[in-house]
Amino acid sequence: MENNDGAKFLYFLTGVSIGTMVGVLFAPHSGKRVRELIADQAGESREYLLRKGTELREQASDYVERGKEVLADQRDHLVADVAAGKQAYQAEPQSKSNP
């Protein structure tokens, strides 16, 4: 069950950016003004992608840390269960020999 909201938003933002660029290209502005608008839009998109990349990296790091904690807890439970099983196994022959 993955959360695809980030990807959907990124697709939406990409569509808006492309639509904006096409609209700007066909708008009644001078060539210099159109190039400035495209450069501004590209700069904003770059900043957005850098922010999102940082957020995703931090989120992935959090997931890795939580995964490590879960694995450590499971390992501890497994070690305790194995130790209890060994103890029960060793106690079993003694109880059978003493009826």
N, C-alpha and C. Protein backbone atom coordinates (compact mmCIF):
# COMPACT_ATOMS: atom_id res chain seq x y z
N MET A 1 0.83 -1.19 0.00
CA MET A 1 0.00 0.00 0.00
C MET A 1 0.87 1.24 0.00
N GLU A 2 1.29 1.62 -1.16
CA GLU A 2 2.16 2.78 -1.26
C GLU A 2 1.33 4.05 -1.31
N ASN A 3 1.92 5.11 -0.86
CA ASN A 3 1.27 6.41 -0.90
C ASN A 3 1.79 7.14 -2.13
N ASN A 4 0.94 7.28 -3.16
CA ASN A 4 1.36 7.89 -4.42
C ASN A 4 0.95 9.35 -4.51
N ASP A 5 0.57 9.97 -3.40
CA ASP A 5 0.16 11.36 -3.45
C ASP A 5 1.28 12.27 -3.91
N GLY A 6 2.50 11.99 -3.48
CA GLY A 6 3.65 12.79 -3.91
C GLY A 6 3.88 12.70 -5.40
N ALA A 7 3.76 11.49 -5.94
CA ALA A 7 3.95 11.30 -7.38
C ALA A 7 2.83 11.97 -8.16
N LYS A 8 1.60 11.85 -7.68
CA LYS A 8 0.47 12.49 -8.35
C LYS A 8 0.65 14.01 -8.36
N PHE A 9 1.10 14.54 -7.23
CA PHE A 9 1.30 15.98 -7.15
C PHE A 9 2.41 16.42 -8.09
N LEU A 10 3.46 15.61 -8.18
CA LEU A 10 4.56 15.93 -9.08
C LEU A 10 4.08 15.92 -10.53
N TYR A 11 3.25 14.95 -10.91
CA TYR A 11 2.69 14.91 -12.26
C TYR A 11 1.82 16.14 -12.51
N PHE A 12 1.03 16.49 -11.51
CA PHE A 12 0.18 17.67 -11.64
C PHE A 12 1.03 18.92 -11.84
N LEU A 13 2.06 19.06 -11.02
CA LEU A 13 2.93 20.24 -11.12
C LEU A 13 3.65 20.27 -12.46
N THR A 14 4.07 19.11 -12.95
CA THR A 14 4.71 19.05 -14.26
C THR A 14 3.74 19.50 -15.35
N GLY A 15 2.51 19.03 -15.27
CA GLY A 15 1.49 19.43 -16.24
C GLY A 15 1.21 20.92 -16.20
N VAL A 16 1.14 21.46 -14.99
CA VAL A 16 0.92 22.90 -14.85
C VAL A 16 2.09 23.66 -15.45
N SER A 17 3.31 23.18 -15.19
CA SER A 17 4.50 23.86 -15.72
C SER A 17 4.51 23.83 -17.24
N ILE A 18 4.21 22.68 -17.82
CA ILE A 18 4.19 22.58 -19.28
C ILE A 18 3.09 23.47 -19.85
N GLY A 19 1.93 23.44 -19.24
CA GLY A 19 0.83 24.30 -19.69
C GLY A 19 1.18 25.77 -19.61
N THR A 20 1.85 26.14 -18.54
CA THR A 20 2.27 27.53 -18.38
C THR A 20 3.26 27.92 -19.47
N MET A 21 4.21 27.03 -19.73
CA MET A 21 5.20 27.34 -20.77
C MET A 21 4.55 27.49 -22.14
N VAL A 22 3.63 26.60 -22.46
CA VAL A 22 2.95 26.69 -23.76
C VAL A 22 2.14 27.98 -23.82
N GLY A 23 1.46 28.29 -22.75
CA GLY A 23 0.68 29.53 -22.71
C GLY A 23 1.56 30.75 -22.85
N VAL A 24 2.70 30.72 -22.21
CA VAL A 24 3.62 31.85 -22.29
C VAL A 24 4.19 31.99 -23.70
N LEU A 25 4.48 30.86 -24.33
CA LEU A 25 5.03 30.91 -25.69
C LEU A 25 4.05 31.53 -26.68
N PHE A 26 2.78 31.31 -26.46
CA PHE A 26 1.78 31.85 -27.37
C PHE A 26 1.19 33.18 -26.89
N ALA A 27 1.66 33.66 -25.78
CA ALA A 27 1.18 34.94 -25.26
C ALA A 27 1.79 36.10 -26.05
N PRO A 28 1.11 37.21 -26.05
CA PRO A 28 1.62 38.36 -26.80
C PRO A 28 2.71 39.13 -26.06
N HIS A 29 3.83 38.48 -25.79
CA HIS A 29 4.97 39.13 -25.15
C HIS A 29 6.14 39.13 -26.12
N SER A 30 7.07 39.98 -25.82
CA SER A 30 8.28 40.00 -26.64
C SER A 30 9.11 38.75 -26.37
N GLY A 31 10.01 38.43 -27.26
CA GLY A 31 10.86 37.26 -27.10
C GLY A 31 11.69 37.30 -25.84
N LYS A 32 12.19 38.49 -25.51
CA LYS A 32 13.01 38.63 -24.31
C LYS A 32 12.17 38.34 -23.06
N ARG A 33 10.97 38.86 -23.03
CA ARG A 33 10.08 38.65 -21.87
C ARG A 33 9.71 37.17 -21.75
N VAL A 34 9.45 36.52 -22.86
CA VAL A 34 9.10 35.10 -22.85
C VAL A 34 10.28 34.29 -22.31
N ARG A 35 11.48 34.60 -22.74
CA ARG A 35 12.66 33.88 -22.24
C ARG A 35 12.84 34.09 -20.75
N GLU A 36 12.57 35.30 -20.28
CA GLU A 36 12.66 35.57 -18.84
C GLU A 36 11.64 34.74 -18.06
N LEU A 37 10.42 34.68 -18.59
CA LEU A 37 9.38 33.90 -17.92
C LEU A 37 9.74 32.42 -17.88
N ILE A 38 10.26 31.92 -18.99
CA ILE A 38 10.67 30.51 -19.03
C ILE A 38 11.81 30.26 -18.05
N ALA A 39 12.76 31.16 -17.99
CA ALA A 39 13.88 31.01 -17.05
C ALA A 39 13.38 31.05 -15.60
N ASP A 40 12.43 31.95 -15.32
CA ASP A 40 11.87 32.02 -13.97
C ASP A 40 11.16 30.72 -13.61
N GLN A 41 10.36 30.22 -14.56
CA GLN A 41 9.63 28.97 -14.32
C GLN A 41 10.59 27.81 -14.12
N ALA A 42 11.64 27.76 -14.90
CA ALA A 42 12.64 26.70 -14.75
C ALA A 42 13.32 26.79 -13.39
N GLY A 43 13.61 28.00 -12.95
CA GLY A 43 14.22 28.18 -11.64
C GLY A 43 13.31 27.72 -10.51
N GLU A 44 12.03 28.06 -10.63
CA GLU A 44 11.06 27.63 -9.61
C GLU A 44 10.93 26.12 -9.60
N SER A 45 10.90 25.51 -10.78
CA SER A 45 10.79 24.06 -10.87
C SER A 45 12.02 23.40 -10.26
N ARG A 46 13.17 23.94 -10.52
CA ARG A 46 14.41 23.39 -9.96
C ARG A 46 14.38 23.46 -8.44
N GLU A 47 13.97 24.61 -7.90
CA GLU A 47 13.90 24.75 -6.45
C GLU A 47 12.91 23.76 -5.85
N TYR A 48 11.77 23.59 -6.52
CA TYR A 48 10.76 22.65 -6.04
C TYR A 48 11.33 21.23 -6.02
N LEU A 49 11.98 20.84 -7.11
CA LEU A 49 12.53 19.50 -7.18
C LEU A 49 13.63 19.28 -6.14
N LEU A 50 14.42 20.28 -5.88
CA LEU A 50 15.44 20.16 -4.83
C LEU A 50 14.80 19.98 -3.46
N ARG A 51 13.75 20.76 -3.19
CA ARG A 51 13.03 20.63 -1.92
C ARG A 51 12.41 19.24 -1.79
N LYS A 52 11.75 18.80 -2.86
CA LYS A 52 11.10 17.49 -2.81
C LYS A 52 12.15 16.38 -2.66
N GLY A 53 13.27 16.51 -3.34
CA GLY A 53 14.33 15.52 -3.22
C GLY A 53 14.84 15.43 -1.80
N THR A 54 15.01 16.57 -1.17
CA THR A 54 15.47 16.59 0.22
C THR A 54 14.42 15.95 1.14
N GLU A 55 13.15 16.29 0.92
CA GLU A 55 12.08 15.72 1.73
C GLU A 55 12.03 14.20 1.56
N LEU A 56 12.13 13.73 0.33
CA LEU A 56 12.07 12.30 0.08
C LEU A 56 13.27 11.58 0.69
N ARG A 57 14.44 12.20 0.62
CA ARG A 57 15.64 11.61 1.22
C ARG A 57 15.46 11.49 2.73
N GLU A 58 14.91 12.53 3.36
CA GLU A 58 14.69 12.49 4.81
C GLU A 58 13.65 11.44 5.17
N GLN A 59 12.59 11.36 4.36
CA GLN A 59 11.55 10.38 4.60
C GLN A 59 12.10 8.96 4.46
N ALA A 60 12.91 8.74 3.44
CA ALA A 60 13.52 7.42 3.25
C ALA A 60 14.43 7.08 4.43
N SER A 61 15.16 8.06 4.90
CA SER A 61 16.04 7.84 6.04
C SER A 61 15.22 7.46 7.28
N ASP A 62 14.08 8.13 7.47
CA ASP A 62 13.21 7.79 8.60
C ASP A 62 12.69 6.36 8.48
N TYR A 63 12.29 5.97 7.27
CA TYR A 63 11.81 4.60 7.06
C TYR A 63 12.90 3.59 7.33
N VAL A 64 14.12 3.89 6.93
CA VAL A 64 15.24 2.97 7.17
C VAL A 64 15.47 2.84 8.67
N GLU A 65 15.44 3.94 9.38
CA GLU A 65 15.66 3.89 10.83
C GLU A 65 14.57 3.09 11.52
N ARG A 66 13.31 3.32 11.11
CA ARG A 66 12.22 2.55 11.71
C ARG A 66 12.36 1.07 11.38
N GLY A 67 12.78 0.77 10.17
CA GLY A 67 12.99 -0.63 9.79
C GLY A 67 14.07 -1.28 10.63
N LYS A 68 15.15 -0.54 10.87
CA LYS A 68 16.23 -1.07 11.71
C LYS A 68 15.72 -1.35 13.13
N GLU A 69 14.90 -0.45 13.65
CA GLU A 69 14.36 -0.64 15.00
C GLU A 69 13.47 -1.87 15.05
N VAL A 70 12.62 -2.05 14.05
CA VAL A 70 11.73 -3.21 14.01
C VAL A 70 12.54 -4.49 13.91
N LEU A 71 13.56 -4.49 13.06
CA LEU A 71 14.41 -5.67 12.93
C LEU A 71 15.14 -5.98 14.24
N ALA A 72 15.61 -4.98 14.92
CA ALA A 72 16.30 -5.19 16.19
C ALA A 72 15.33 -5.77 17.22
N ASP A 73 14.10 -5.26 17.26
CA ASP A 73 13.11 -5.80 18.19
C ASP A 73 12.79 -7.25 17.86
N GLN A 74 12.61 -7.55 16.58
CA GLN A 74 12.31 -8.92 16.17
C GLN A 74 13.47 -9.86 16.50
N ARG A 75 14.69 -9.37 16.30
CA ARG A 75 15.87 -10.18 16.62
C ARG A 75 15.90 -10.49 18.12
N ASP A 76 15.63 -9.47 18.94
CA ASP A 76 15.63 -9.67 20.39
C ASP A 76 14.57 -10.69 20.80
N HIS A 77 13.38 -10.60 20.19
CA HIS A 77 12.32 -11.56 20.51
C HIS A 77 12.73 -12.97 20.07
N LEU A 78 13.34 -13.08 18.91
CA LEU A 78 13.77 -14.38 18.41
C LEU A 78 14.84 -14.98 19.31
N VAL A 79 15.79 -14.18 19.73
CA VAL A 79 16.84 -14.68 20.62
C VAL A 79 16.23 -15.15 21.94
N ALA A 80 15.29 -14.39 22.46
CA ALA A 80 14.64 -14.78 23.72
C ALA A 80 13.84 -16.07 23.52
N ASP A 81 13.14 -16.20 22.41
CA ASP A 81 12.36 -17.40 22.14
C ASP A 81 13.26 -18.62 21.97
N VAL A 82 14.38 -18.47 21.28
CA VAL A 82 15.32 -19.57 21.10
C VAL A 82 15.89 -19.98 22.46
N ALA A 83 16.23 -19.03 23.28
CA ALA A 83 16.77 -19.34 24.61
C ALA A 83 15.72 -20.07 25.45
N ALA A 84 14.46 -19.63 25.37
CA ALA A 84 13.39 -20.31 26.11
C ALA A 84 13.18 -21.72 25.57
N GLY A 85 13.27 -21.88 24.26
CA GLY A 85 13.13 -23.21 23.68
C GLY A 85 14.24 -24.14 24.11
N LYS A 86 15.47 -23.64 24.14
CA LYS A 86 16.60 -24.46 24.60
C LYS A 86 16.41 -24.88 26.05
N GLN A 87 15.97 -23.94 26.85
CA GLN A 87 15.78 -24.22 28.27
C GLN A 87 14.67 -25.27 28.45
N ALA A 88 13.59 -25.13 27.67
CA ALA A 88 12.51 -26.11 27.76
C ALA A 88 12.97 -27.47 27.27
N TYR A 89 13.77 -27.50 26.22
CA TYR A 89 14.28 -28.76 25.68
C TYR A 89 15.19 -29.45 26.70
N GLN A 90 16.03 -28.68 27.36
CA GLN A 90 16.93 -29.26 28.35
C GLN A 90 16.17 -29.72 29.58
N ALA A 91 15.10 -29.08 29.92
CA ALA A 91 14.31 -29.46 31.09
C ALA A 91 13.44 -30.68 30.79
N GLU A 92 13.09 -30.91 29.55
CA GLU A 92 12.21 -32.01 29.15
C GLU A 92 12.78 -33.38 29.50
N PRO A 93 14.02 -33.73 29.14
CA PRO A 93 14.53 -35.08 29.49
C PRO A 93 14.59 -35.30 31.00
N GLN A 94 14.85 -34.28 31.76
CA GLN A 94 14.93 -34.43 33.21
C GLN A 94 13.56 -34.76 33.79
N SER A 95 12.51 -34.16 33.26
CA SER A 95 11.19 -34.42 33.80
C SER A 95 10.70 -35.81 33.38
N LYS A 96 11.12 -36.34 32.23
CA LYS A 96 10.72 -37.68 31.79
C LYS A 96 11.46 -38.76 32.60
N SER A 97 12.69 -38.49 32.98
CA SER A 97 13.46 -39.50 33.72
C SER A 97 13.02 -39.55 35.17
N ASN A 98 12.38 -38.55 35.69
CA ASN A 98 11.90 -38.54 37.07
C ASN A 98 10.37 -38.57 37.06
N PRO A 99 9.75 -39.75 36.96
CA PRO A 99 8.28 -39.78 36.92
C PRO A 99 7.62 -39.56 38.21
